[in-house]
Amino acid sequence: MADAERFEQGRARFGELMGRDIKSESGADEFMDVTFENLFGDIWNREGLSLRDRSMITCAALIALGKEEELKIHFRGLLNQGVTADEIDEMIIHLAHYGGWPNAVAARRAATSVFEKTGAR
């Protein structure tokens, strides 16, 4: 697949994940170009897992790593994929025992922030 095509597919996939159209012109922001082209244009478009499944796996990894700010973005993505606030809460509780309690506390803060901003709860 051509780089330009992967870029456009990645931009569209990222927009789908975030629930909004993402405007970016190739070359305007090199980091986002690489992100759209490689991560979302290739990895997130592979067959074998649904977007919802990829989102759940990504959030699980971010919870285990204690990445609170990144979780805010990806929790919005989960909500956009139809995952409920209750399901996100259950994921955090489950992962507290595998990824560590402090990481789950950080994930809970991120979830609370997202739920308040989106009206998910």
PDB file of N, CA and C in Angstrom:
ATOM      1  N   MET A   1       0.845  -1.168   0.000  1.00  0.00           N
ATOM      2  CA  MET A   1       0.000   0.000   0.000  1.00  0.00           C
ATOM      3  C   MET A   1       0.898   1.242   0.000  1.00  0.00           C
ATOM      4  N   ALA A   2       0.536   2.225  -0.766  1.00  0.00           N
ATOM      5  CA  ALA A   2       1.316   3.459  -0.863  1.00  0.00           C
ATOM      6  C   ALA A   2       1.237   4.237   0.449  1.00  0.00           C
ATOM      7  N   ASP A   3       2.306   4.991   0.741  1.00  0.00           N
ATOM      8  CA  ASP A   3       2.352   5.771   1.973  1.00  0.00           C
ATOM      9  C   ASP A   3       1.167   6.719   2.087  1.00  0.00           C
ATOM     10  N   ALA A   4       0.807   7.387   0.998  1.00  0.00           N
ATOM     11  CA  ALA A   4      -0.312   8.338   1.025  1.00  0.00           C
ATOM     12  C   ALA A   4      -1.620   7.626   1.362  1.00  0.00           C
ATOM     13  N   GLU A   5      -1.789   6.431   0.837  1.00  0.00           N
ATOM     14  CA  GLU A   5      -3.003   5.666   1.121  1.00  0.00           C
ATOM     15  C   GLU A   5      -3.031   5.229   2.592  1.00  0.00           C
ATOM     16  N   ARG A   6      -1.889   4.765   3.100  1.00  0.00           N
ATOM     17  CA  ARG A   6      -1.805   4.374   4.511  1.00  0.00           C
ATOM     18  C   ARG A   6      -2.059   5.572   5.416  1.00  0.00           C
ATOM     19  N   PHE A   7      -1.545   6.743   5.008  1.00  0.00           N
ATOM     20  CA  PHE A   7      -1.766   7.964   5.784  1.00  0.00           C
ATOM     21  C   PHE A   7      -3.260   8.251   5.873  1.00  0.00           C
ATOM     22  N   GLU A   8      -3.952   8.219   4.744  1.00  0.00           N
ATOM     23  CA  GLU A   8      -5.386   8.526   4.725  1.00  0.00           C
ATOM     24  C   GLU A   8      -6.190   7.479   5.498  1.00  0.00           C
ATOM     25  N   GLN A   9      -5.839   6.216   5.355  1.00  0.00           N
ATOM     26  CA  GLN A   9      -6.524   5.172   6.113  1.00  0.00           C
ATOM     27  C   GLN A   9      -6.273   5.339   7.606  1.00  0.00           C
ATOM     28  N   GLY A  10      -5.053   5.697   7.959  1.00  0.00           N
ATOM     29  CA  GLY A  10      -4.715   5.916   9.366  1.00  0.00           C
ATOM     30  C   GLY A  10      -5.441   7.112   9.946  1.00  0.00           C
ATOM     31  N   ARG A  11      -5.519   8.190   9.178  1.00  0.00           N
ATOM     32  CA  ARG A  11      -6.242   9.382   9.623  1.00  0.00           C
ATOM     33  C   ARG A  11      -7.712   9.040   9.841  1.00  0.00           C
ATOM     34  N   ALA A  12      -8.284   8.278   8.911  1.00  0.00           N
ATOM     35  CA  ALA A  12      -9.687   7.875   9.040  1.00  0.00           C
ATOM     36  C   ALA A  12      -9.894   6.957  10.243  1.00  0.00           C
ATOM     37  N   ARG A  13      -8.977   6.009  10.461  1.00  0.00           N
ATOM     38  CA  ARG A  13      -9.098   5.072  11.583  1.00  0.00           C
ATOM     39  C   ARG A  13      -8.987   5.815  12.905  1.00  0.00           C
ATOM     40  N   PHE A  14      -8.030   6.746  13.004  1.00  0.00           N
ATOM     41  CA  PHE A  14      -7.875   7.541  14.219  1.00  0.00           C
ATOM     42  C   PHE A  14      -9.144   8.349  14.462  1.00  0.00           C
ATOM     43  N   GLY A  15      -9.705   8.930  13.419  1.00  0.00           N
ATOM     44  CA  GLY A  15     -10.954   9.676  13.550  1.00  0.00           C
ATOM     45  C   GLY A  15     -12.102   8.794  14.007  1.00  0.00           C
ATOM     46  N   GLU A  16     -12.158   7.575  13.487  1.00  0.00           N
ATOM     47  CA  GLU A  16     -13.188   6.623  13.904  1.00  0.00           C
ATOM     48  C   GLU A  16     -13.036   6.279  15.377  1.00  0.00           C
ATOM     49  N   LEU A  17     -11.812   6.038  15.787  1.00  0.00           N
ATOM     50  CA  LEU A  17     -11.538   5.722  17.186  1.00  0.00           C
ATOM     51  C   LEU A  17     -11.946   6.867  18.100  1.00  0.00           C
ATOM     52  N   MET A  18     -11.637   8.094  17.712  1.00  0.00           N
ATOM     53  CA  MET A  18     -11.914   9.258  18.534  1.00  0.00           C
ATOM     54  C   MET A  18     -13.336   9.785  18.363  1.00  0.00           C
ATOM     55  N   GLY A  19     -14.062   9.265  17.385  1.00  0.00           N
ATOM     56  CA  GLY A  19     -15.443   9.684  17.187  1.00  0.00           C
ATOM     57  C   GLY A  19     -15.594  11.042  16.535  1.00  0.00           C
ATOM     58  N   ARG A  20     -14.580  11.441  15.790  1.00  0.00           N
ATOM     59  CA  ARG A  20     -14.657  12.734  15.091  1.00  0.00           C
ATOM     60  C   ARG A  20     -13.693  12.720  13.923  1.00  0.00           C
ATOM     61  N   ASP A  21     -13.943  13.600  12.954  1.00  0.00           N
ATOM     62  CA  ASP A  21     -13.064  13.689  11.801  1.00  0.00           C
ATOM     63  C   ASP A  21     -11.800  14.432  12.206  1.00  0.00           C
ATOM     64  N   ILE A  22     -10.676  13.850  11.899  1.00  0.00           N
ATOM     65  CA  ILE A  22      -9.384  14.451  12.230  1.00  0.00           C
ATOM     66  C   ILE A  22      -8.852  15.134  10.984  1.00  0.00           C
ATOM     67  N   LYS A  23      -8.626  16.421  11.085  1.00  0.00           N
ATOM     68  CA  LYS A  23      -8.096  17.190   9.963  1.00  0.00           C
ATOM     69  C   LYS A  23      -6.586  17.315  10.104  1.00  0.00           C
ATOM     70  N   SER A  24      -5.879  16.895   9.085  1.00  0.00           N
ATOM     71  CA  SER A  24      -4.435  17.049   9.065  1.00  0.00           C
ATOM     72  C   SER A  24      -3.987  16.944   7.623  1.00  0.00           C
ATOM     73  N   GLU A  25      -3.040  17.748   7.260  1.00  0.00           N
ATOM     74  CA  GLU A  25      -2.480  17.666   5.922  1.00  0.00           C
ATOM     75  C   GLU A  25      -1.114  17.020   6.023  1.00  0.00           C
ATOM     76  N   SER A  26      -0.831  16.121   5.108  1.00  0.00           N
ATOM     77  CA  SER A  26       0.456  15.453   5.111  1.00  0.00           C
ATOM     78  C   SER A  26       1.562  16.496   5.099  1.00  0.00           C
ATOM     79  N   GLY A  27       2.549  16.321   5.982  1.00  0.00           N
ATOM     80  CA  GLY A  27       3.674  17.249   6.066  1.00  0.00           C
ATOM     81  C   GLY A  27       3.462  18.357   7.070  1.00  0.00           C
ATOM     82  N   ALA A  28       2.220  18.575   7.518  1.00  0.00           N
ATOM     83  CA  ALA A  28       1.943  19.660   8.451  1.00  0.00           C
ATOM     84  C   ALA A  28       2.533  19.369   9.829  1.00  0.00           C
ATOM     85  N   ASP A  29       2.525  18.135  10.224  1.00  0.00           N
ATOM     86  CA  ASP A  29       3.058  17.720  11.514  1.00  0.00           C
ATOM     87  C   ASP A  29       3.663  16.338  11.305  1.00  0.00           C
ATOM     88  N   GLU A  30       4.972  16.286  11.218  1.00  0.00           N
ATOM     89  CA  GLU A  30       5.651  15.035  10.867  1.00  0.00           C
ATOM     90  C   GLU A  30       5.331  13.901  11.844  1.00  0.00           C
ATOM     91  N   PHE A  31       5.245  14.209  13.128  1.00  0.00           N
ATOM     92  CA  PHE A  31       4.929  13.171  14.106  1.00  0.00           C
ATOM     93  C   PHE A  31       3.549  12.576  13.838  1.00  0.00           C
ATOM     94  N   MET A  32       2.560  13.425  13.589  1.00  0.00           N
ATOM     95  CA  MET A  32       1.211  12.908  13.320  1.00  0.00           C
ATOM     96  C   MET A  32       1.177  12.177  11.983  1.00  0.00           C
ATOM     97  N   ASP A  33       1.947  12.619  11.006  1.00  0.00           N
ATOM     98  CA  ASP A  33       2.023  11.890   9.734  1.00  0.00           C
ATOM     99  C   ASP A  33       2.492  10.460   9.968  1.00  0.00           C
ATOM    100  N   VAL A  34       3.557  10.306  10.748  1.00  0.00           N
ATOM    101  CA  VAL A  34       4.095   8.977  11.034  1.00  0.00           C
ATOM    102  C   VAL A  34       3.075   8.164  11.844  1.00  0.00           C
ATOM    103  N   THR A  35       2.431   8.821  12.801  1.00  0.00           N
ATOM    104  CA  THR A  35       1.420   8.141  13.611  1.00  0.00           C
ATOM    105  C   THR A  35       0.268   7.649  12.746  1.00  0.00           C
ATOM    106  N   PHE A  36      -0.258   8.523  11.898  1.00  0.00           N
ATOM    107  CA  PHE A  36      -1.375   8.129  11.032  1.00  0.00           C
ATOM    108  C   PHE A  36      -0.956   7.021  10.072  1.00  0.00           C
ATOM    109  N   GLU A  37       0.204   7.194   9.457  1.00  0.00           N
ATOM    110  CA  GLU A  37       0.647   6.254   8.421  1.00  0.00           C
ATOM    111  C   GLU A  37       0.988   4.881   8.992  1.00  0.00           C
ATOM    112  N   ASN A  38       1.770   4.845  10.052  1.00  0.00           N
ATOM    113  CA  ASN A  38       2.270   3.566  10.559  1.00  0.00           C
ATOM    114  C   ASN A  38       1.376   2.938  11.624  1.00  0.00           C
ATOM    115  N   LEU A  39       1.102   3.669  12.687  1.00  0.00           N
ATOM    116  CA  LEU A  39       0.339   3.081  13.779  1.00  0.00           C
ATOM    117  C   LEU A  39      -1.112   2.853  13.379  1.00  0.00           C
ATOM    118  N   PHE A  40      -1.795   3.914  12.964  1.00  0.00           N
ATOM    119  CA  PHE A  40      -3.216   3.776  12.653  1.00  0.00           C
ATOM    120  C   PHE A  40      -3.463   3.309  11.222  1.00  0.00           C
ATOM    121  N   GLY A  41      -2.548   3.599  10.305  1.00  0.00           N
ATOM    122  CA  GLY A  41      -2.710   3.155   8.928  1.00  0.00           C
ATOM    123  C   GLY A  41      -2.343   1.704   8.716  1.00  0.00           C
ATOM    124  N   ASP A  42      -1.511   1.160   9.585  1.00  0.00           N
ATOM    125  CA  ASP A  42      -1.080  -0.232   9.444  1.00  0.00           C
ATOM    126  C   ASP A  42      -1.560  -1.068  10.629  1.00  0.00           C
ATOM    127  N   ILE A  43      -1.028  -0.814  11.809  1.00  0.00           N
ATOM    128  CA  ILE A  43      -1.299  -1.655  12.973  1.00  0.00           C
ATOM    129  C   ILE A  43      -2.791  -1.691  13.321  1.00  0.00           C
ATOM    130  N   TRP A  44      -3.435  -0.520  13.378  1.00  0.00           N
ATOM    131  CA  TRP A  44      -4.847  -0.479  13.766  1.00  0.00           C
ATOM    132  C   TRP A  44      -5.782  -0.933  12.644  1.00  0.00           C
ATOM    133  N   ASN A  45      -5.282  -1.134  11.444  1.00  0.00           N
ATOM    134  CA  ASN A  45      -6.113  -1.580  10.314  1.00  0.00           C
ATOM    135  C   ASN A  45      -5.920  -3.051   9.976  1.00  0.00           C
ATOM    136  N   ARG A  46      -5.091  -3.740  10.718  1.00  0.00           N
ATOM    137  CA  ARG A  46      -4.860  -5.159  10.441  1.00  0.00           C
ATOM    138  C   ARG A  46      -6.126  -5.954  10.695  1.00  0.00           C
ATOM    139  N   GLU A  47      -6.262  -7.037   9.964  1.00  0.00           N
ATOM    140  CA  GLU A  47      -7.392  -7.939  10.174  1.00  0.00           C
ATOM    141  C   GLU A  47      -7.122  -8.796  11.410  1.00  0.00           C
ATOM    142  N   GLY A  48      -8.140  -9.367  11.975  1.00  0.00           N
ATOM    143  CA  GLY A  48      -7.978 -10.294  13.082  1.00  0.00           C
ATOM    144  C   GLY A  48      -8.549  -9.790  14.390  1.00  0.00           C
ATOM    145  N   LEU A  49      -8.581  -8.491  14.583  1.00  0.00           N
ATOM    146  CA  LEU A  49      -9.182  -7.905  15.788  1.00  0.00           C
ATOM    147  C   LEU A  49     -10.064  -6.734  15.360  1.00  0.00           C
ATOM    148  N   SER A  50     -11.177  -6.590  16.042  1.00  0.00           N
ATOM    149  CA  SER A  50     -12.040  -5.442  15.774  1.00  0.00           C
ATOM    150  C   SER A  50     -11.416  -4.183  16.382  1.00  0.00           C
ATOM    151  N   LEU A  51     -11.911  -3.027  15.980  1.00  0.00           N
ATOM    152  CA  LEU A  51     -11.448  -1.764  16.559  1.00  0.00           C
ATOM    153  C   LEU A  51     -11.730  -1.748  18.062  1.00  0.00           C
ATOM    154  N   ARG A  52     -12.886  -2.270  18.468  1.00  0.00           N
ATOM    155  CA  ARG A  52     -13.235  -2.338  19.888  1.00  0.00           C
ATOM    156  C   ARG A  52     -12.221  -3.203  20.645  1.00  0.00           C
ATOM    157  N   ASP A  53     -11.881  -4.361  20.087  1.00  0.00           N
ATOM    158  CA  ASP A  53     -10.909  -5.236  20.745  1.00  0.00           C
ATOM    159  C   ASP A  53      -9.543  -4.567  20.847  1.00  0.00           C
ATOM    160  N   ARG A  54      -9.098  -3.928  19.771  1.00  0.00           N
ATOM    161  CA  ARG A  54      -7.807  -3.224  19.806  1.00  0.00           C
ATOM    162  C   ARG A  54      -7.821  -2.122  20.863  1.00  0.00           C
ATOM    163  N   SER A  55      -8.950  -1.424  20.962  1.00  0.00           N
ATOM    164  CA  SER A  55      -9.083  -0.356  21.959  1.00  0.00           C
ATOM    165  C   SER A  55      -9.008  -0.912  23.373  1.00  0.00           C
ATOM    166  N   MET A  56      -9.680  -2.040  23.624  1.00  0.00           N
ATOM    167  CA  MET A  56      -9.647  -2.672  24.949  1.00  0.00           C
ATOM    168  C   MET A  56      -8.226  -3.113  25.302  1.00  0.00           C
ATOM    169  N   ILE A  57      -7.546  -3.733  24.356  1.00  0.00           N
ATOM    170  CA  ILE A  57      -6.175  -4.202  24.598  1.00  0.00           C
ATOM    171  C   ILE A  57      -5.249  -3.020  24.869  1.00  0.00           C
ATOM    172  N   THR A  58      -5.405  -1.958  24.093  1.00  0.00           N
ATOM    173  CA  THR A  58      -4.580  -0.772  24.286  1.00  0.00           C
ATOM    174  C   THR A  58      -4.801  -0.182  25.671  1.00  0.00           C
ATOM    175  N   CYS A  59      -6.053  -0.075  26.085  1.00  0.00           N
ATOM    176  CA  CYS A  59      -6.347   0.466  27.418  1.00  0.00           C
ATOM    177  C   CYS A  59      -5.795  -0.436  28.510  1.00  0.00           C
ATOM    178  N   ALA A  60      -5.904  -1.737  28.330  1.00  0.00           N
ATOM    179  CA  ALA A  60      -5.353  -2.655  29.332  1.00  0.00           C
ATOM    180  C   ALA A  60      -3.848  -2.436  29.481  1.00  0.00           C
ATOM    181  N   ALA A  61      -3.158  -2.295  28.376  1.00  0.00           N
ATOM    182  CA  ALA A  61      -1.712  -2.061  28.429  1.00  0.00           C
ATOM    183  C   ALA A  61      -1.402  -0.722  29.091  1.00  0.00           C
ATOM    184  N   LEU A  62      -2.152   0.309  28.742  1.00  0.00           N
ATOM    185  CA  LEU A  62      -1.908   1.626  29.326  1.00  0.00           C
ATOM    186  C   LEU A  62      -2.212   1.642  30.823  1.00  0.00           C
ATOM    187  N   ILE A  63      -3.232   0.906  31.248  1.00  0.00           N
ATOM    188  CA  ILE A  63      -3.526   0.798  32.683  1.00  0.00           C
ATOM    189  C   ILE A  63      -2.347   0.135  33.386  1.00  0.00           C
ATOM    190  N   ALA A  64      -1.885  -0.985  32.836  1.00  0.00           N
ATOM    191  CA  ALA A  64      -0.774  -1.720  33.452  1.00  0.00           C
ATOM    192  C   ALA A  64       0.499  -0.887  33.520  1.00  0.00           C
ATOM    193  N   LEU A  65       0.661   0.029  32.576  1.00  0.00           N
ATOM    194  CA  LEU A  65       1.850   0.884  32.544  1.00  0.00           C
ATOM    195  C   LEU A  65       1.670   2.182  33.339  1.00  0.00           C
ATOM    196  N   GLY A  66       0.453   2.441  33.813  1.00  0.00           N
ATOM    197  CA  GLY A  66       0.197   3.653  34.589  1.00  0.00           C
ATOM    198  C   GLY A  66       0.195   4.925  33.765  1.00  0.00           C
ATOM    199  N   LYS A  67      -0.241   4.848  32.528  1.00  0.00           N
ATOM    200  CA  LYS A  67      -0.216   5.995  31.608  1.00  0.00           C
ATOM    201  C   LYS A  67      -1.528   6.777  31.665  1.00  0.00           C
ATOM    202  N   GLU A  68      -1.673   7.566  32.697  1.00  0.00           N
ATOM    203  CA  GLU A  68      -2.928   8.266  32.977  1.00  0.00           C
ATOM    204  C   GLU A  68      -3.366   9.212  31.861  1.00  0.00           C
ATOM    205  N   GLU A  69      -2.485  10.043  31.367  1.00  0.00           N
ATOM    206  CA  GLU A  69      -2.871  11.006  30.325  1.00  0.00           C
ATOM    207  C   GLU A  69      -3.282  10.303  29.029  1.00  0.00           C
ATOM    208  N   GLU A  70      -2.539   9.278  28.638  1.00  0.00           N
ATOM    209  CA  GLU A  70      -2.867   8.527  27.427  1.00  0.00           C
ATOM    210  C   GLU A  70      -4.202   7.807  27.578  1.00  0.00           C
ATOM    211  N   LEU A  71      -4.497   7.358  28.799  1.00  0.00           N
ATOM    212  CA  LEU A  71      -5.766   6.677  29.046  1.00  0.00           C
ATOM    213  C   LEU A  71      -6.959   7.588  28.790  1.00  0.00           C
ATOM    214  N   LYS A  72      -6.825   8.864  29.077  1.00  0.00           N
ATOM    215  CA  LYS A  72      -7.934   9.793  28.828  1.00  0.00           C
ATOM    216  C   LYS A  72      -8.332   9.771  27.354  1.00  0.00           C
ATOM    217  N   ILE A  73      -7.348   9.743  26.483  1.00  0.00           N
ATOM    218  CA  ILE A  73      -7.622   9.691  25.042  1.00  0.00           C
ATOM    219  C   ILE A  73      -8.264   8.359  24.683  1.00  0.00           C
ATOM    220  N   HIS A  74      -7.688   7.286  25.178  1.00  0.00           N
ATOM    221  CA  HIS A  74      -8.163   5.962  24.778  1.00  0.00           C
ATOM    222  C   HIS A  74      -9.470   5.565  25.469  1.00  0.00           C
ATOM    223  N   PHE A  75      -9.744   6.083  26.657  1.00  0.00           N
ATOM    224  CA  PHE A  75     -11.053   5.828  27.261  1.00  0.00           C
ATOM    225  C   PHE A  75     -12.156   6.487  26.439  1.00  0.00           C
ATOM    226  N   ARG A  76     -11.876   7.676  25.909  1.00  0.00           N
ATOM    227  CA  ARG A  76     -12.845   8.301  24.986  1.00  0.00           C
ATOM    228  C   ARG A  76     -13.082   7.395  23.781  1.00  0.00           C
ATOM    229  N   GLY A  77     -11.993   6.809  23.283  1.00  0.00           N
ATOM    230  CA  GLY A  77     -12.115   5.885  22.163  1.00  0.00           C
ATOM    231  C   GLY A  77     -12.969   4.684  22.516  1.00  0.00           C
ATOM    232  N   LEU A  78     -12.792   4.142  23.720  1.00  0.00           N
ATOM    233  CA  LEU A  78     -13.619   3.009  24.150  1.00  0.00           C
ATOM    234  C   LEU A  78     -15.088   3.395  24.178  1.00  0.00           C
ATOM    235  N   LEU A  79     -15.375   4.552  24.746  1.00  0.00           N
ATOM    236  CA  LEU A  79     -16.769   5.010  24.783  1.00  0.00           C
ATOM    237  C   LEU A  79     -17.323   5.151  23.375  1.00  0.00           C
ATOM    238  N   ASN A  80     -16.509   5.643  22.449  1.00  0.00           N
ATOM    239  CA  ASN A  80     -16.941   5.781  21.057  1.00  0.00           C
ATOM    240  C   ASN A  80     -17.164   4.432  20.379  1.00  0.00           C
ATOM    241  N   GLN A  81     -16.536   3.388  20.897  1.00  0.00           N
ATOM    242  CA  GLN A  81     -16.710   2.037  20.339  1.00  0.00           C
ATOM    243  C   GLN A  81     -17.879   1.303  20.995  1.00  0.00           C
ATOM    244  N   GLY A  82     -18.590   1.967  21.900  1.00  0.00           N
ATOM    245  CA  GLY A  82     -19.754   1.358  22.527  1.00  0.00           C
ATOM    246  C   GLY A  82     -19.484   0.681  23.847  1.00  0.00           C
ATOM    247  N   VAL A  83     -18.255   0.777  24.355  1.00  0.00           N
ATOM    248  CA  VAL A  83     -17.940   0.229  25.665  1.00  0.00           C
ATOM    249  C   VAL A  83     -18.554   1.174  26.704  1.00  0.00           C
ATOM    250  N   THR A  84     -19.202   0.619  27.705  1.00  0.00           N
ATOM    251  CA  THR A  84     -19.870   1.448  28.706  1.00  0.00           C
ATOM    252  C   THR A  84     -18.911   1.860  29.815  1.00  0.00           C
ATOM    253  N   ALA A  85     -19.315   2.881  30.553  1.00  0.00           N
ATOM    254  CA  ALA A  85     -18.530   3.312  31.715  1.00  0.00           C
ATOM    255  C   ALA A  85     -18.412   2.173  32.720  1.00  0.00           C
ATOM    256  N   ASP A  86     -19.478   1.397  32.891  1.00  0.00           N
ATOM    257  CA  ASP A  86     -19.419   0.259  33.821  1.00  0.00           C
ATOM    258  C   ASP A  86     -18.400  -0.782  33.366  1.00  0.00           C
ATOM    259  N   GLU A  87     -18.314  -1.021  32.060  1.00  0.00           N
ATOM    260  CA  GLU A  87     -17.326  -1.975  31.543  1.00  0.00           C
ATOM    261  C   GLU A  87     -15.903  -1.462  31.755  1.00  0.00           C
ATOM    262  N   ILE A  88     -15.703  -0.174  31.569  1.00  0.00           N
ATOM    263  CA  ILE A  88     -14.386   0.412  31.817  1.00  0.00           C
ATOM    264  C   ILE A  88     -14.027   0.269  33.295  1.00  0.00           C
ATOM    265  N   ASP A  89     -14.987   0.531  34.183  1.00  0.00           N
ATOM    266  CA  ASP A  89     -14.750   0.344  35.623  1.00  0.00           C
ATOM    267  C   ASP A  89     -14.336  -1.095  35.926  1.00  0.00           C
ATOM    268  N   GLU A  90     -15.027  -2.050  35.349  1.00  0.00           N
ATOM    269  CA  GLU A  90     -14.704  -3.461  35.576  1.00  0.00           C
ATOM    270  C   GLU A  90     -13.311  -3.802  35.066  1.00  0.00           C
ATOM    271  N   MET A  91     -12.937  -3.236  33.919  1.00  0.00           N
ATOM    272  CA  MET A  91     -11.605  -3.470  33.380  1.00  0.00           C
ATOM    273  C   MET A  91     -10.545  -2.949  34.360  1.00  0.00           C
ATOM    274  N   ILE A  92     -10.774  -1.769  34.905  1.00  0.00           N
ATOM    275  CA  ILE A  92      -9.824  -1.180  35.857  1.00  0.00           C
ATOM    276  C   ILE A  92      -9.718  -2.050  37.112  1.00  0.00           C
ATOM    277  N   ILE A  93     -10.849  -2.482  37.636  1.00  0.00           N
ATOM    278  CA  ILE A  93     -10.838  -3.343  38.835  1.00  0.00           C
ATOM    279  C   ILE A  93     -10.089  -4.639  38.552  1.00  0.00           C
ATOM    280  N   HIS A  94     -10.369  -5.246  37.417  1.00  0.00           N
ATOM    281  CA  HIS A  94      -9.707  -6.508  37.067  1.00  0.00           C
ATOM    282  C   HIS A  94      -8.195  -6.317  36.945  1.00  0.00           C
ATOM    283  N   LEU A  95      -7.788  -5.249  36.281  1.00  0.00           N
ATOM    284  CA  LEU A  95      -6.366  -5.019  36.043  1.00  0.00           C
ATOM    285  C   LEU A  95      -5.615  -4.529  37.283  1.00  0.00           C
ATOM    286  N   ALA A  96      -6.331  -4.072  38.282  1.00  0.00           N
ATOM    287  CA  ALA A  96      -5.664  -3.634  39.518  1.00  0.00           C
ATOM    288  C   ALA A  96      -4.835  -4.760  40.116  1.00  0.00           C
ATOM    289  N   HIS A  97      -5.296  -5.972  39.939  1.00  0.00           N
ATOM    290  CA  HIS A  97      -4.621  -7.129  40.525  1.00  0.00           C
ATOM    291  C   HIS A  97      -3.464  -7.636  39.673  1.00  0.00           C
ATOM    292  N   TYR A  98      -3.379  -7.185  38.436  1.00  0.00           N
ATOM    293  CA  TYR A  98      -2.310  -7.629  37.541  1.00  0.00           C
ATOM    294  C   TYR A  98      -1.324  -6.502  37.233  1.00  0.00           C
ATOM    295  N   GLY A  99      -1.806  -5.278  37.147  1.00  0.00           N
ATOM    296  CA  GLY A  99      -0.954  -4.152  36.785  1.00  0.00           C
ATOM    297  C   GLY A  99      -0.539  -3.286  37.952  1.00  0.00           C
ATOM    298  N   GLY A 100      -1.079  -3.571  39.125  1.00  0.00           N
ATOM    299  CA  GLY A 100      -0.715  -2.812  40.308  1.00  0.00           C
ATOM    300  C   GLY A 100      -1.789  -1.821  40.727  1.00  0.00           C
ATOM    301  N   TRP A 101      -1.975  -1.732  42.023  1.00  0.00           N
ATOM    302  CA  TRP A 101      -2.998  -0.852  42.572  1.00  0.00           C
ATOM    303  C   TRP A 101      -2.771   0.619  42.216  1.00  0.00           C
ATOM    304  N   PRO A 102      -1.556   1.152  42.340  1.00  0.00           N
ATOM    305  CA  PRO A 102      -1.349   2.559  41.979  1.00  0.00           C
ATOM    306  C   PRO A 102      -1.705   2.861  40.508  1.00  0.00           C
ATOM    307  N   ASN A 103      -1.423   1.935  39.623  1.00  0.00           N
ATOM    308  CA  ASN A 103      -1.777   2.139  38.217  1.00  0.00           C
ATOM    309  C   ASN A 103      -3.291   2.141  38.026  1.00  0.00           C
ATOM    310  N   ALA A 104      -3.984   1.306  38.786  1.00  0.00           N
ATOM    311  CA  ALA A 104      -5.446   1.287  38.713  1.00  0.00           C
ATOM    312  C   ALA A 104      -6.033   2.586  39.275  1.00  0.00           C
ATOM    313  N   VAL A 105      -5.420   3.120  40.313  1.00  0.00           N
ATOM    314  CA  VAL A 105      -5.876   4.398  40.871  1.00  0.00           C
ATOM    315  C   VAL A 105      -5.721   5.499  39.817  1.00  0.00           C
ATOM    316  N   ALA A 106      -4.597   5.512  39.120  1.00  0.00           N
ATOM    317  CA  ALA A 106      -4.378   6.500  38.051  1.00  0.00           C
ATOM    318  C   ALA A 106      -5.403   6.309  36.933  1.00  0.00           C
ATOM    319  N   ALA A 107      -5.696   5.057  36.591  1.00  0.00           N
ATOM    320  CA  ALA A 107      -6.686   4.769  35.549  1.00  0.00           C
ATOM    321  C   ALA A 107      -8.071   5.240  35.988  1.00  0.00           C
ATOM    322  N   ARG A 108      -8.380   5.060  37.258  1.00  0.00           N
ATOM    323  CA  ARG A 108      -9.681   5.498  37.775  1.00  0.00           C
ATOM    324  C   ARG A 108      -9.810   7.012  37.690  1.00  0.00           C
ATOM    325  N   ARG A 109      -8.719   7.729  38.009  1.00  0.00           N
ATOM    326  CA  ARG A 109      -8.740   9.200  37.872  1.00  0.00           C
ATOM    327  C   ARG A 109      -8.998   9.592  36.428  1.00  0.00           C
ATOM    328  N   ALA A 110      -8.309   8.928  35.502  1.00  0.00           N
ATOM    329  CA  ALA A 110      -8.488   9.224  34.085  1.00  0.00           C
ATOM    330  C   ALA A 110      -9.926   8.935  33.650  1.00  0.00           C
ATOM    331  N   ALA A 111     -10.455   7.797  34.069  1.00  0.00           N
ATOM    332  CA  ALA A 111     -11.819   7.422  33.697  1.00  0.00           C
ATOM    333  C   ALA A 111     -12.826   8.426  34.253  1.00  0.00           C
ATOM    334  N   THR A 112     -12.666   8.807  35.509  1.00  0.00           N
ATOM    335  CA  THR A 112     -13.578   9.766  36.131  1.00  0.00           C
ATOM    336  C   THR A 112     -13.580  11.072  35.351  1.00  0.00           C
ATOM    337  N   SER A 113     -12.405  11.546  34.975  1.00  0.00           N
ATOM    338  CA  SER A 113     -12.283  12.772  34.192  1.00  0.00           C
ATOM    339  C   SER A 113     -13.018  12.654  32.860  1.00  0.00           C
ATOM    340  N   VAL A 114     -12.803  11.543  32.165  1.00  0.00           N
ATOM    341  CA  VAL A 114     -13.447  11.332  30.862  1.00  0.00           C
ATOM    342  C   VAL A 114     -14.959  11.194  31.023  1.00  0.00           C
ATOM    343  N   PHE A 115     -15.402  10.451  32.017  1.00  0.00           N
ATOM    344  CA  PHE A 115     -16.845  10.268  32.227  1.00  0.00           C
ATOM    345  C   PHE A 115     -17.525  11.609  32.501  1.00  0.00           C
ATOM    346  N   GLU A 116     -16.879  12.449  33.298  1.00  0.00           N
ATOM    347  CA  GLU A 116     -17.449  13.766  33.604  1.00  0.00           C
ATOM    348  C   GLU A 116     -17.521  14.639  32.362  1.00  0.00           C
ATOM    349  N   LYS A 117     -16.472  14.628  31.550  1.00  0.00           N
ATOM    350  CA  LYS A 117     -16.419  15.474  30.355  1.00  0.00           C
ATOM    351  C   LYS A 117     -17.354  14.992  29.248  1.00  0.00           C
ATOM    352  N   THR A 118     -17.593  13.688  29.190  1.00  0.00           N
ATOM    353  CA  THR A 118     -18.420  13.144  28.111  1.00  0.00           C
ATOM    354  C   THR A 118     -19.862  12.877  28.541  1.00  0.00           C
ATOM    355  N   GLY A 119     -20.139  12.972  29.837  1.00  0.00           N
ATOM    356  CA  GLY A 119     -21.465  12.653  30.323  1.00  0.00           C
ATOM    357  C   GLY A 119     -21.759  11.157  30.322  1.00  0.00           C
ATOM    358  N   ALA A 120     -20.708  10.353  30.315  1.00  0.00           N
ATOM    359  CA  ALA A 120     -20.871   8.894  30.287  1.00  0.00           C
ATOM    360  C   ALA A 120     -21.456   8.374  31.588  1.00  0.00           C
ATOM    361  N   ARG A 121     -21.394   9.152  32.626  1.00  0.00           N
ATOM    362  CA  ARG A 121     -21.962   8.729  33.917  1.00  0.00           C
ATOM    363  C   ARG A 121     -22.627   9.916  34.565  1.00  0.00           C
TER     364      ARG A 121
END
